[in-house]
Amino acid sequence: MDTENISYLKSSIKWTAILKTLADETRLQIIHCLLKQEASVQDVANSLNLKVYNVSKHLKILESSGLVIKRKDGTHRIYSISESIKDHLSEDKQVLDLGCCKFIFSGLNK
């Protein structure tokens, strides 16, 4: 395989992982929440009326796929949308355009 094909394959695998991650409604709701502002696990759980444990599990999946990043703030972990994903957002942060498909967040609850 030449380097162009290897690069394409790596890119395809990355986007496949992102699409699999976004296939879950709860993770889409978490992304929508974080589009509004960065937040701790507890803040996201409260905002979406979910259990902290479940939100934490979903955030780990979102982080491992590169959709969100976290930073420490004392004893809290604050999550936000990653820069690489921000490049694919519309100006109003309501549409995530991956090229192959678009995720429209304006119709999601909360």
Protein backbone atom coordinates (compact mmCIF):
# COMPACT_ATOMS: atom_id res chain seq x y z
CA MET A 1 0.00 0.00 0.00
CA ASP A 2 1.32 3.45 -0.84
CA THR A 3 1.32 6.35 1.63
CA GLU A 4 -1.76 7.97 0.04
CA ASN A 5 -3.82 4.82 0.56
CA ILE A 6 -2.55 4.43 4.13
CA SER A 7 -3.46 8.05 4.88
CA TYR A 8 -6.94 7.55 3.41
CA LEU A 9 -7.42 4.37 5.43
CA LYS A 10 -6.41 6.07 8.69
CA SER A 11 -8.76 8.97 7.94
CA SER A 12 -11.61 6.56 7.15
CA ILE A 13 -11.07 4.67 10.39
CA LYS A 14 -11.10 7.95 12.35
CA TRP A 15 -14.38 9.11 10.80
CA THR A 16 -15.93 5.66 11.20
CA ALA A 17 -15.15 5.77 14.93
CA ILE A 18 -16.64 9.27 15.19
CA LEU A 19 -19.81 8.21 13.38
CA LYS A 20 -20.18 5.16 15.64
CA THR A 21 -19.74 7.42 18.66
CA LEU A 22 -22.38 9.86 17.43
CA ALA A 23 -24.84 7.03 16.71
CA ASP A 24 -25.92 7.11 20.35
CA GLU A 25 -28.69 9.61 21.23
CA THR A 26 -27.32 10.28 24.73
CA ARG A 27 -23.90 11.16 23.33
CA LEU A 28 -25.54 13.52 20.83
CA GLN A 29 -27.35 15.19 23.72
CA ILE A 30 -24.07 15.54 25.61
CA ILE A 31 -22.42 17.09 22.54
CA HIS A 32 -25.35 19.49 22.23
CA CYS A 33 -24.97 20.43 25.90
CA LEU A 34 -21.22 21.04 25.50
CA LEU A 35 -21.82 23.16 22.39
CA LYS A 36 -23.49 25.69 24.68
CA GLN A 37 -20.64 25.78 27.20
CA GLU A 38 -17.97 23.61 28.76
CA ALA A 39 -19.20 21.65 31.75
CA SER A 40 -18.32 19.14 34.44
CA VAL A 41 -19.77 15.63 34.50
CA GLN A 42 -22.18 16.74 37.24
CA ASP A 43 -23.28 19.80 35.24
CA VAL A 44 -23.98 17.67 32.15
CA ALA A 45 -25.84 15.07 34.23
CA ASN A 46 -27.99 17.76 35.85
CA SER A 47 -28.67 19.49 32.55
CA LEU A 48 -29.79 16.29 30.83
CA ASN A 49 -31.41 14.69 33.89
CA LEU A 50 -29.10 11.67 33.66
CA LYS A 51 -27.07 9.73 36.21
CA VAL A 52 -23.50 10.94 36.71
CA TYR A 53 -22.17 7.41 36.18
CA ASN A 54 -23.82 7.15 32.76
CA VAL A 55 -22.66 10.60 31.67
CA SER A 56 -19.12 9.76 32.77
CA LYS A 57 -19.13 6.59 30.65
CA HIS A 58 -20.40 8.47 27.60
CA LEU A 59 -17.87 11.28 28.08
CA LYS A 60 -15.03 8.74 28.10
CA ILE A 61 -16.26 7.38 24.77
CA LEU A 62 -16.59 10.91 23.36
CA GLU A 63 -13.09 11.74 24.58
CA SER A 64 -11.52 8.59 23.16
CA SER A 65 -13.01 9.37 19.74
CA GLY A 66 -11.58 12.90 19.85
CA LEU A 67 -14.90 14.72 20.02
CA VAL A 68 -14.38 16.22 23.47
CA ILE A 69 -11.42 17.13 25.61
CA LYS A 70 -11.14 17.50 29.38
CA ARG A 71 -9.13 19.64 31.71
CA LYS A 72 -8.67 19.57 35.46
CA ASP A 73 -10.19 22.33 37.57
CA GLY A 74 -9.40 21.46 41.17
CA THR A 75 -11.15 18.16 41.83
CA HIS A 76 -13.43 18.52 38.81
CA ARG A 77 -12.92 17.51 35.21
CA ILE A 78 -14.29 20.08 32.79
CA TYR A 79 -15.29 18.86 29.33
CA SER A 80 -15.49 20.84 26.12
CA ILE A 81 -15.74 20.27 22.39
CA SER A 82 -12.35 19.52 20.80
CA GLU A 83 -10.79 22.04 18.41
CA SER A 84 -10.76 19.53 15.55
CA ILE A 85 -14.54 19.19 15.81
CA LYS A 86 -15.09 22.94 16.24
CA ASP A 87 -13.65 23.32 12.73
CA HIS A 88 -16.66 21.36 11.43
CA LEU A 89 -19.32 23.39 13.27
CA SER A 90 -21.53 26.05 11.74
CA GLU A 91 -21.18 29.60 13.09
CA ASP A 92 -24.21 29.19 15.35
CA LYS A 93 -22.85 25.82 16.62
CA GLN A 94 -26.06 24.05 15.67
CA VAL A 95 -24.75 21.98 12.73
CA LEU A 96 -21.80 19.58 12.75
CA ASP A 97 -20.83 18.99 9.11
CA LEU A 98 -18.54 15.99 8.66
CA GLY A 99 -18.67 16.14 4.88
CA CYS A 100 -20.43 12.80 4.53
CA CYS A 101 -23.27 13.84 6.79
CA LYS A 102 -24.57 16.62 9.01
CA PHE A 103 -25.75 16.50 12.58
CA ILE A 104 -28.30 19.23 13.32
CA PHE A 105 -28.58 20.01 17.02
CA SER A 106 -31.20 22.78 16.96
CA GLY A 107 -34.07 20.26 17.24
CA LEU A 108 -32.69 18.36 20.25
CA ASN A 109 -34.31 18.88 23.64
CA LYS A 110 -32.39 20.89 26.22
